[in-house]
């Protein structure tokens, strides 16, 4: 499955960046800087979706970023997910 989801990234009081995908409940992570937070949330979203596929759970349709409300003080970015490529990477690491 290939898709694009909006990730929300906010600095927190510890100096880290908190990231989550509103469409994927519980898909949260953090990073030491903005780039790491984006890398981490992309990985977390792929893992979330792989798990949903494996358990035959419904996959949320990505919400258009313009439809997300009350997010004036945060950074939004679009992340690309590809569960086929993610599974291939995991298999290659386990060989």
N, C-alpha and C. Protein backbone atom coordinates (compact mmCIF):
# COMPACT_ATOMS: atom_id res chain seq x y z
N UNK A 1 0.83 -1.17 0.00
CA UNK A 1 0.00 0.00 0.00
C UNK A 1 0.88 1.24 0.00
N UNK A 2 0.56 2.17 -0.87
CA UNK A 2 1.24 3.46 -0.89
C UNK A 2 0.22 4.54 -0.57
N UNK A 3 0.64 5.50 0.25
CA UNK A 3 -0.25 6.60 0.61
C UNK A 3 0.57 7.77 1.12
N UNK A 4 -0.09 8.91 1.28
CA UNK A 4 0.51 10.10 1.88
C UNK A 4 -0.39 10.54 3.02
N UNK A 5 0.21 10.67 4.19
CA UNK A 5 -0.51 11.14 5.37
C UNK A 5 0.13 12.43 5.87
N UNK A 6 -0.65 13.22 6.57
CA UNK A 6 -0.13 14.44 7.18
C UNK A 6 0.38 14.11 8.57
N UNK A 7 1.59 14.52 8.86
CA UNK A 7 2.18 14.38 10.19
C UNK A 7 2.23 15.75 10.84
N UNK A 8 1.95 15.78 12.13
CA UNK A 8 2.01 17.00 12.92
C UNK A 8 3.25 16.93 13.79
N UNK A 9 4.05 17.97 13.77
CA UNK A 9 5.30 17.98 14.54
C UNK A 9 5.34 19.24 15.40
N UNK A 10 5.60 19.03 16.69
CA UNK A 10 5.63 20.14 17.64
C UNK A 10 6.87 20.03 18.52
N UNK A 11 7.56 21.15 18.75
CA UNK A 11 8.66 21.11 19.72
C UNK A 11 8.07 20.93 21.12
N UNK A 12 8.77 20.21 21.99
CA UNK A 12 8.28 20.09 23.36
C UNK A 12 9.27 20.73 24.31
N UNK A 13 8.94 20.77 25.58
CA UNK A 13 9.73 21.51 26.56
C UNK A 13 11.13 20.94 26.75
N UNK A 14 11.34 19.67 26.42
CA UNK A 14 12.66 19.06 26.59
C UNK A 14 13.59 19.36 25.41
N UNK A 15 13.08 20.08 24.40
CA UNK A 15 13.90 20.39 23.24
C UNK A 15 13.77 19.36 22.13
N UNK A 16 13.01 18.30 22.37
CA UNK A 16 12.77 17.30 21.34
C UNK A 16 11.57 17.72 20.50
N UNK A 17 11.34 16.99 19.42
CA UNK A 17 10.19 17.25 18.57
C UNK A 17 9.24 16.06 18.66
N UNK A 18 8.00 16.33 19.07
CA UNK A 18 6.96 15.33 19.19
C UNK A 18 6.24 15.26 17.86
N UNK A 19 5.98 14.05 17.35
CA UNK A 19 5.32 13.89 16.06
C UNK A 19 4.20 12.87 16.16
N UNK A 20 3.11 13.14 15.44
CA UNK A 20 2.02 12.16 15.36
C UNK A 20 1.28 12.31 14.04
N UNK A 21 0.56 11.25 13.69
CA UNK A 21 -0.28 11.26 12.50
C UNK A 21 -1.72 11.20 12.97
N UNK A 22 -2.48 12.29 12.81
CA UNK A 22 -3.85 12.32 13.32
C UNK A 22 -4.75 11.19 12.80
N UNK A 23 -4.52 10.75 11.58
CA UNK A 23 -5.35 9.69 10.99
C UNK A 23 -5.05 8.30 11.54
N UNK A 24 -3.91 8.13 12.21
CA UNK A 24 -3.50 6.82 12.70
C UNK A 24 -3.43 6.86 14.23
N UNK A 25 -4.50 6.51 14.91
CA UNK A 25 -4.54 6.60 16.38
C UNK A 25 -3.36 5.87 17.03
N UNK A 26 -2.69 6.58 17.93
CA UNK A 26 -1.56 6.00 18.65
C UNK A 26 -0.25 6.03 17.90
N UNK A 27 -0.25 6.56 16.70
CA UNK A 27 0.99 6.64 15.91
C UNK A 27 1.72 7.92 16.32
N UNK A 28 2.61 7.77 17.31
CA UNK A 28 3.34 8.90 17.87
C UNK A 28 4.81 8.53 18.06
N UNK A 29 5.65 9.52 18.03
CA UNK A 29 7.08 9.33 18.27
C UNK A 29 7.70 10.68 18.54
N UNK A 30 9.00 10.72 18.67
CA UNK A 30 9.70 11.99 18.83
C UNK A 30 11.10 11.86 18.25
N UNK A 31 11.74 13.00 18.08
CA UNK A 31 13.10 13.02 17.56
C UNK A 31 13.89 14.16 18.18
N UNK A 32 15.20 14.06 18.08
CA UNK A 32 16.06 15.10 18.64
C UNK A 32 16.00 16.40 17.86
N UNK A 33 15.65 16.29 16.57
CA UNK A 33 15.53 17.46 15.72
C UNK A 33 14.41 17.21 14.72
N UNK A 34 14.10 18.20 13.90
CA UNK A 34 12.98 18.08 12.98
C UNK A 34 13.17 16.94 11.98
N UNK A 35 14.35 16.81 11.41
CA UNK A 35 14.61 15.74 10.44
C UNK A 35 14.42 14.37 11.08
N UNK A 36 14.97 14.19 12.28
CA UNK A 36 14.82 12.89 12.94
C UNK A 36 13.35 12.62 13.27
N UNK A 37 12.62 13.64 13.68
CA UNK A 37 11.20 13.45 13.98
C UNK A 37 10.43 13.02 12.74
N UNK A 38 10.75 13.60 11.59
CA UNK A 38 10.09 13.22 10.33
C UNK A 38 10.45 11.78 9.97
N UNK A 39 11.73 11.43 10.09
CA UNK A 39 12.15 10.04 9.81
C UNK A 39 11.46 9.06 10.74
N UNK A 40 11.38 9.42 12.02
CA UNK A 40 10.78 8.53 13.01
C UNK A 40 9.27 8.37 12.80
N UNK A 41 8.57 9.44 12.46
CA UNK A 41 7.12 9.33 12.27
C UNK A 41 6.81 8.60 10.98
N UNK A 42 7.65 8.72 9.97
CA UNK A 42 7.46 7.96 8.74
C UNK A 42 7.61 6.46 9.03
N UNK A 43 8.63 6.11 9.81
CA UNK A 43 8.82 4.72 10.20
C UNK A 43 7.64 4.23 11.03
N UNK A 44 7.21 5.03 11.99
CA UNK A 44 6.09 4.64 12.86
C UNK A 44 4.80 4.45 12.05
N UNK A 45 4.55 5.32 11.09
CA UNK A 45 3.34 5.20 10.26
C UNK A 45 3.39 3.93 9.42
N UNK A 46 4.56 3.63 8.84
CA UNK A 46 4.68 2.39 8.07
C UNK A 46 4.41 1.18 8.95
N UNK A 47 4.98 1.17 10.15
CA UNK A 47 4.78 0.06 11.07
C UNK A 47 3.31 -0.04 11.48
N UNK A 48 2.67 1.08 11.75
CA UNK A 48 1.26 1.10 12.11
C UNK A 48 0.43 0.45 11.00
N UNK A 49 0.71 0.85 9.76
CA UNK A 49 -0.06 0.34 8.62
C UNK A 49 0.23 -1.13 8.35
N UNK A 50 1.47 -1.57 8.49
CA UNK A 50 1.80 -2.99 8.31
C UNK A 50 1.04 -3.82 9.34
N UNK A 51 1.01 -3.36 10.57
CA UNK A 51 0.28 -4.07 11.62
C UNK A 51 -1.21 -4.13 11.29
N UNK A 52 -1.78 -3.02 10.82
CA UNK A 52 -3.20 -3.00 10.45
C UNK A 52 -3.47 -3.97 9.31
N UNK A 53 -2.59 -4.01 8.32
CA UNK A 53 -2.76 -4.96 7.22
C UNK A 53 -2.71 -6.39 7.74
N UNK A 54 -1.73 -6.69 8.58
CA UNK A 54 -1.56 -8.05 9.09
C UNK A 54 -2.75 -8.51 9.92
N UNK A 55 -3.38 -7.57 10.62
CA UNK A 55 -4.53 -7.91 11.48
C UNK A 55 -5.87 -7.68 10.78
N UNK A 56 -5.81 -7.33 9.50
CA UNK A 56 -7.01 -7.08 8.70
C UNK A 56 -7.88 -5.98 9.30
N UNK A 57 -7.22 -4.99 9.91
CA UNK A 57 -7.92 -3.83 10.45
C UNK A 57 -8.19 -2.85 9.31
N UNK A 58 -9.16 -1.99 9.51
CA UNK A 58 -9.43 -0.99 8.48
C UNK A 58 -8.29 0.04 8.45
N UNK A 59 -8.01 0.51 7.27
CA UNK A 59 -6.94 1.49 7.05
C UNK A 59 -7.61 2.85 6.85
N UNK A 60 -7.32 3.82 7.72
CA UNK A 60 -7.93 5.15 7.56
C UNK A 60 -7.50 5.83 6.26
N UNK A 61 -8.45 6.47 5.63
CA UNK A 61 -8.16 7.27 4.45
C UNK A 61 -7.46 8.54 4.92
N UNK A 62 -6.37 8.94 4.25
CA UNK A 62 -5.67 10.16 4.67
C UNK A 62 -6.58 11.39 4.57
N UNK A 63 -6.56 12.19 5.61
CA UNK A 63 -7.29 13.45 5.64
C UNK A 63 -6.47 14.51 4.93
N UNK A 64 -7.11 15.30 4.10
CA UNK A 64 -6.42 16.42 3.45
C UNK A 64 -5.95 17.38 4.54
N UNK A 65 -4.72 17.84 4.44
CA UNK A 65 -4.15 18.71 5.48
C UNK A 65 -4.99 19.96 5.71
N UNK A 66 -5.67 20.43 4.68
CA UNK A 66 -6.50 21.64 4.82
C UNK A 66 -7.72 21.40 5.71
N UNK A 67 -8.06 20.12 5.91
CA UNK A 67 -9.22 19.79 6.74
C UNK A 67 -8.86 19.59 8.21
N UNK A 68 -7.58 19.63 8.54
CA UNK A 68 -7.17 19.50 9.94
C UNK A 68 -7.36 20.85 10.62
N UNK A 69 -7.94 20.85 11.80
CA UNK A 69 -8.33 22.08 12.48
C UNK A 69 -7.45 22.38 13.69
N UNK A 70 -7.41 23.65 14.06
CA UNK A 70 -6.75 24.12 15.29
C UNK A 70 -5.27 23.74 15.36
N UNK A 71 -4.58 23.90 14.26
CA UNK A 71 -3.16 23.52 14.22
C UNK A 71 -2.28 24.68 13.79
N UNK A 72 -2.64 25.88 14.18
CA UNK A 72 -1.90 27.07 13.74
C UNK A 72 -0.46 27.11 14.26
N UNK A 73 -0.22 26.53 15.43
CA UNK A 73 1.09 26.67 16.07
C UNK A 73 1.98 25.44 15.90
N UNK A 74 1.68 24.62 14.93
CA UNK A 74 2.48 23.41 14.74
C UNK A 74 3.01 23.35 13.32
N UNK A 75 3.97 22.45 13.12
CA UNK A 75 4.49 22.18 11.78
C UNK A 75 3.78 20.97 11.23
N UNK A 76 3.32 21.08 9.99
CA UNK A 76 2.71 19.94 9.32
C UNK A 76 3.58 19.57 8.14
N UNK A 77 3.69 18.28 7.89
CA UNK A 77 4.41 17.80 6.72
C UNK A 77 3.69 16.58 6.18
N UNK A 78 3.84 16.35 4.91
CA UNK A 78 3.27 15.15 4.30
C UNK A 78 4.34 14.07 4.31
N UNK A 79 3.96 12.88 4.77
CA UNK A 79 4.89 11.76 4.75
C UNK A 79 4.37 10.71 3.76
N UNK A 80 5.27 10.10 3.05
CA UNK A 80 4.91 9.03 2.12
C UNK A 80 5.16 7.70 2.80
N UNK A 81 4.16 6.83 2.72
CA UNK A 81 4.30 5.49 3.28
C UNK A 81 4.16 4.48 2.15
N UNK A 82 4.88 3.39 2.29
CA UNK A 82 4.85 2.31 1.30
C UNK A 82 5.08 1.01 2.06
N UNK A 83 4.00 0.32 2.38
CA UNK A 83 4.13 -0.88 3.20
C UNK A 83 4.84 -2.01 2.46
N UNK A 84 4.76 -2.03 1.15
CA UNK A 84 5.48 -3.06 0.38
C UNK A 84 6.99 -2.88 0.55
N UNK A 85 7.46 -1.65 0.36
CA UNK A 85 8.89 -1.36 0.51
C UNK A 85 9.33 -1.54 1.96
N UNK A 86 8.48 -1.15 2.90
CA UNK A 86 8.81 -1.29 4.32
C UNK A 86 8.99 -2.76 4.68
N UNK A 87 8.07 -3.61 4.21
CA UNK A 87 8.20 -5.06 4.47
C UNK A 87 9.49 -5.61 3.85
N UNK A 88 9.83 -5.18 2.65
CA UNK A 88 11.05 -5.65 1.98
C UNK A 88 12.28 -5.23 2.77
N UNK A 89 12.29 -4.01 3.29
CA UNK A 89 13.42 -3.53 4.10
C UNK A 89 13.56 -4.35 5.37
N UNK A 90 12.45 -4.65 6.03
CA UNK A 90 12.49 -5.44 7.25
C UNK A 90 13.02 -6.85 6.98
N UNK A 91 12.54 -7.46 5.89
CA UNK A 91 13.02 -8.80 5.52
C UNK A 91 14.51 -8.80 5.22
N UNK A 92 15.00 -7.76 4.53
CA UNK A 92 16.42 -7.67 4.21
C UNK A 92 17.25 -7.52 5.46
N UNK A 93 16.75 -6.77 6.44
CA UNK A 93 17.49 -6.59 7.70
C UNK A 93 17.54 -7.89 8.50
N UNK A 94 16.54 -8.73 8.36
CA UNK A 94 16.47 -9.97 9.13
C UNK A 94 17.20 -11.14 8.47
N UNK A 95 17.76 -10.94 7.29
CA UNK A 95 18.49 -12.02 6.61
C UNK A 95 19.92 -12.11 7.10
